[in-house]
N, C-alpha and C. Protein backbone atom coordinates (compact mmCIF):
# COMPACT_ATOMS: atom_id res chain seq x y z
N UNK A 1 0.82 -1.15 -0.01
CA UNK A 1 -0.01 -0.01 0.01
C UNK A 1 0.84 1.30 0.01
N UNK A 2 2.11 1.11 0.29
CA UNK A 2 2.94 2.33 0.31
C UNK A 2 3.21 2.87 -1.09
N UNK A 3 3.05 2.03 -2.10
CA UNK A 3 3.28 2.50 -3.53
C UNK A 3 2.08 3.26 -4.09
N UNK A 4 0.93 3.15 -3.38
CA UNK A 4 -0.34 3.90 -3.82
C UNK A 4 -0.15 5.39 -3.48
N UNK A 5 -0.70 6.18 -4.37
CA UNK A 5 -0.62 7.69 -4.12
C UNK A 5 -1.80 7.98 -3.18
N UNK A 6 -1.49 8.55 -2.07
CA UNK A 6 -2.47 9.00 -1.18
C UNK A 6 -3.01 10.39 -1.56
N UNK A 7 -4.21 10.73 -1.22
CA UNK A 7 -4.69 12.12 -1.59
C UNK A 7 -3.84 13.23 -1.02
N UNK A 8 -3.19 13.04 0.08
CA UNK A 8 -2.40 14.11 0.65
C UNK A 8 -1.13 14.28 -0.17
N UNK A 9 -0.48 13.26 -0.63
CA UNK A 9 0.75 13.45 -1.45
C UNK A 9 0.42 14.05 -2.84
N UNK A 10 -0.74 13.67 -3.38
CA UNK A 10 -1.12 14.21 -4.71
C UNK A 10 -1.46 15.70 -4.65
N UNK A 11 -2.06 16.16 -3.58
CA UNK A 11 -2.44 17.61 -3.44
C UNK A 11 -1.23 18.45 -3.05
N UNK A 12 -0.20 17.79 -2.50
CA UNK A 12 0.97 18.56 -2.10
C UNK A 12 1.79 19.19 -3.31
N UNK A 13 1.60 18.54 -4.48
CA UNK A 13 2.24 19.00 -5.68
C UNK A 13 1.47 20.06 -6.45
N UNK A 14 0.20 20.25 -6.09
CA UNK A 14 -0.69 21.22 -6.81
C UNK A 14 -0.18 22.68 -6.67
N UNK A 15 0.14 23.14 -5.56
CA UNK A 15 0.55 24.54 -5.50
C UNK A 15 1.84 24.87 -6.31
N UNK A 16 2.54 23.91 -6.71
CA UNK A 16 3.77 24.20 -7.42
C UNK A 16 3.58 24.71 -8.77
N UNK A 17 2.63 24.35 -9.51
CA UNK A 17 2.34 24.75 -10.90
C UNK A 17 2.02 26.23 -11.03
N UNK A 18 1.25 26.86 -10.17
CA UNK A 18 0.95 28.32 -10.45
C UNK A 18 2.16 29.17 -10.13
N UNK A 19 3.03 28.77 -9.35
CA UNK A 19 4.20 29.62 -8.90
C UNK A 19 4.99 30.18 -10.09
N UNK A 20 5.46 29.37 -11.09
CA UNK A 20 6.28 29.90 -12.16
C UNK A 20 5.51 30.99 -12.90
N UNK A 21 4.18 30.99 -12.98
CA UNK A 21 3.44 31.96 -13.79
C UNK A 21 3.51 33.32 -13.08
N UNK A 22 3.41 33.38 -11.76
CA UNK A 22 3.37 34.60 -11.01
C UNK A 22 4.74 35.44 -11.19
N UNK A 23 5.85 34.79 -11.01
CA UNK A 23 7.07 35.57 -11.21
C UNK A 23 7.24 36.05 -12.64
N UNK A 24 6.80 35.31 -13.61
CA UNK A 24 6.87 35.64 -15.03
C UNK A 24 5.97 36.97 -15.16
N UNK A 25 4.78 36.89 -14.73
CA UNK A 25 3.87 38.04 -14.85
C UNK A 25 4.47 39.23 -14.14
N UNK A 26 5.04 38.99 -12.98
CA UNK A 26 5.64 40.07 -12.16
C UNK A 26 6.79 40.69 -12.86
N UNK A 27 7.59 39.82 -13.57
CA UNK A 27 8.74 40.35 -14.29
C UNK A 27 8.31 41.21 -15.50
N UNK A 28 7.25 40.68 -16.20
CA UNK A 28 6.71 41.43 -17.33
C UNK A 28 6.15 42.80 -16.90
N UNK A 29 5.50 42.75 -15.74
CA UNK A 29 4.92 44.03 -15.22
C UNK A 29 5.95 45.03 -14.87
N UNK A 30 7.12 44.53 -14.28
CA UNK A 30 8.21 45.43 -13.97
C UNK A 30 8.83 45.92 -15.19
N UNK A 31 9.03 45.13 -16.20
CA UNK A 31 9.59 45.57 -17.48
C UNK A 31 8.75 46.68 -18.11
N UNK A 32 7.42 46.41 -18.11
CA UNK A 32 6.55 47.40 -18.68
C UNK A 32 6.59 48.74 -17.92
N UNK A 33 6.63 48.62 -16.60
CA UNK A 33 6.73 49.84 -15.80
C UNK A 33 8.03 50.56 -15.99
N UNK A 34 9.05 49.80 -16.12
CA UNK A 34 10.42 50.45 -16.40
C UNK A 34 10.45 51.12 -17.73
N UNK A 35 9.81 50.54 -18.72
CA UNK A 35 9.76 51.19 -20.06
C UNK A 35 9.01 52.45 -19.98
N UNK A 36 7.87 52.44 -19.31
CA UNK A 36 7.05 53.66 -19.16
C UNK A 36 7.82 54.73 -18.44
N UNK A 37 8.48 54.37 -17.36
CA UNK A 37 9.24 55.31 -16.56
C UNK A 37 10.41 55.92 -17.38
N UNK A 38 11.08 55.10 -18.22
CA UNK A 38 12.16 55.60 -19.08
C UNK A 38 11.59 56.52 -20.08
N UNK A 39 10.47 56.21 -20.62
CA UNK A 39 9.82 57.19 -21.62
C UNK A 39 9.49 58.48 -20.94
N UNK A 40 8.92 58.42 -19.73
CA UNK A 40 8.59 59.65 -19.04
C UNK A 40 9.81 60.41 -18.73
N UNK A 41 10.86 59.85 -18.33
CA UNK A 41 12.14 60.43 -17.98
C UNK A 41 12.71 61.15 -19.25
N UNK A 42 12.60 60.46 -20.41
CA UNK A 42 13.13 61.04 -21.64
C UNK A 42 12.30 62.31 -22.00
N UNK A 43 10.95 62.21 -21.79
CA UNK A 43 10.15 63.33 -22.20
C UNK A 43 10.41 64.50 -21.22
N UNK A 44 10.64 64.21 -19.89
CA UNK A 44 10.91 65.23 -18.97
C UNK A 44 12.22 65.91 -19.31
N UNK A 45 13.23 65.16 -19.61
CA UNK A 45 14.52 65.73 -20.04
C UNK A 45 14.41 66.64 -21.22
N UNK A 46 13.63 66.24 -22.18
CA UNK A 46 13.41 67.03 -23.45
C UNK A 46 12.66 68.30 -23.07
N UNK A 47 11.72 68.25 -22.18
CA UNK A 47 10.97 69.43 -21.77
C UNK A 47 11.84 70.35 -20.96
N UNK A 48 12.75 69.90 -20.17
CA UNK A 48 13.68 70.65 -19.43
C UNK A 48 14.62 71.44 -20.39
N UNK A 49 15.15 70.65 -21.37
CA UNK A 49 16.04 71.34 -22.38
C UNK A 49 15.34 72.40 -23.20
N UNK A 50 14.05 72.14 -23.51
CA UNK A 50 13.30 73.14 -24.29
C UNK A 50 13.03 74.42 -23.39
N UNK A 51 12.64 74.18 -22.10
CA UNK A 51 12.45 75.28 -21.27
C UNK A 51 13.66 76.09 -21.02
N UNK A 52 14.78 75.43 -20.87
CA UNK A 52 16.14 76.12 -20.69
C UNK A 52 16.41 77.00 -21.89
N UNK A 53 16.14 76.49 -23.07
CA UNK A 53 16.40 77.27 -24.31
C UNK A 53 15.51 78.49 -24.34
N UNK A 54 14.25 78.29 -24.05
CA UNK A 54 13.29 79.43 -24.04
C UNK A 54 13.70 80.46 -22.97
N UNK A 55 14.19 80.01 -21.87
CA UNK A 55 14.61 80.85 -20.76
C UNK A 55 15.83 81.78 -21.25
N UNK A 56 16.76 81.09 -21.86
CA UNK A 56 17.94 81.79 -22.42
C UNK A 56 17.52 82.92 -23.43
N UNK A 57 16.53 82.51 -24.32
CA UNK A 57 16.08 83.49 -25.32
C UNK A 57 15.36 84.61 -24.63
N UNK A 58 14.57 84.32 -23.63
CA UNK A 58 13.86 85.32 -22.91
C UNK A 58 14.82 86.30 -22.21
N UNK A 59 15.82 85.73 -21.56
CA UNK A 59 16.82 86.50 -20.83
C UNK A 59 17.55 87.46 -21.79
N UNK A 60 17.96 86.91 -22.93
CA UNK A 60 18.67 87.80 -23.95
C UNK A 60 17.68 88.92 -24.44
N UNK A 61 16.47 88.56 -24.66
CA UNK A 61 15.51 89.55 -25.08
C UNK A 61 15.31 90.61 -24.04
N UNK A 62 15.24 90.20 -22.80
CA UNK A 62 15.02 91.07 -21.66
C UNK A 62 16.22 92.03 -21.49
N UNK A 63 17.44 91.49 -21.70
CA UNK A 63 18.66 92.32 -21.67
C UNK A 63 18.66 93.34 -22.75
N UNK A 64 18.25 92.93 -23.97
CA UNK A 64 18.21 93.82 -25.08
C UNK A 64 17.24 94.95 -24.82
N UNK A 65 16.09 94.63 -24.30
CA UNK A 65 15.08 95.66 -23.96
C UNK A 65 15.60 96.57 -22.84
N UNK A 66 16.20 96.05 -21.88
CA UNK A 66 16.72 96.90 -20.76
C UNK A 66 17.80 97.80 -21.32
N UNK A 67 18.65 97.33 -22.22
CA UNK A 67 19.72 98.09 -22.85
C UNK A 67 19.09 99.23 -23.65
N UNK A 68 18.10 98.99 -24.37
CA UNK A 68 17.34 99.95 -25.18
C UNK A 68 16.71 100.98 -24.25
N UNK A 69 16.12 100.60 -23.23
CA UNK A 69 15.45 101.49 -22.31
C UNK A 69 16.50 102.44 -21.61
N UNK A 70 17.63 101.91 -21.27
CA UNK A 70 18.65 102.77 -20.62
C UNK A 70 19.13 103.76 -21.66
N UNK A 71 19.25 103.50 -22.90
CA UNK A 71 19.72 104.43 -23.84
C UNK A 71 18.68 105.47 -24.09
N UNK A 72 17.39 105.11 -24.09
CA UNK A 72 16.33 106.09 -24.41
C UNK A 72 16.12 107.06 -23.28
N UNK A 73 16.48 106.67 -22.02
CA UNK A 73 16.26 107.56 -20.92
C UNK A 73 17.46 108.50 -20.66
N UNK A 74 18.58 108.24 -21.33
CA UNK A 74 19.76 109.08 -21.18
C UNK A 74 19.48 110.37 -21.93
N UNK A 75 19.98 111.41 -21.30
CA UNK A 75 19.84 112.74 -21.93
C UNK A 75 21.23 113.13 -22.52
N UNK A 76 21.19 113.78 -23.59
CA UNK A 76 22.42 114.24 -24.24
C UNK A 76 22.91 115.48 -23.59
N UNK A 77 24.19 115.58 -23.44
CA UNK A 77 24.70 116.75 -22.91
C UNK A 77 24.89 117.79 -24.05
N UNK A 78 24.27 118.92 -23.89
CA UNK A 78 24.45 119.95 -24.91
C UNK A 78 25.49 120.88 -24.42
N UNK A 79 26.46 121.11 -25.37
CA UNK A 79 27.62 121.86 -24.89
C UNK A 79 27.86 123.07 -25.74
């Protein structure tokens, strides 16, 4: 009778089969999340570069306007 499969020994192997699927799903989920985060990071970096460029242009424009305003408010010395 020791060679017969008892119900206890046959059910003991049941939980083993779902386990490989969970880590695979978990790994795929992490890969997908990682890809999304990398894309968001790239988009953020591009936005930062664009905003820095716009800031530099605005600062140059502001300096040019300030320089023009300074010249227009100066009075000429009449001698």
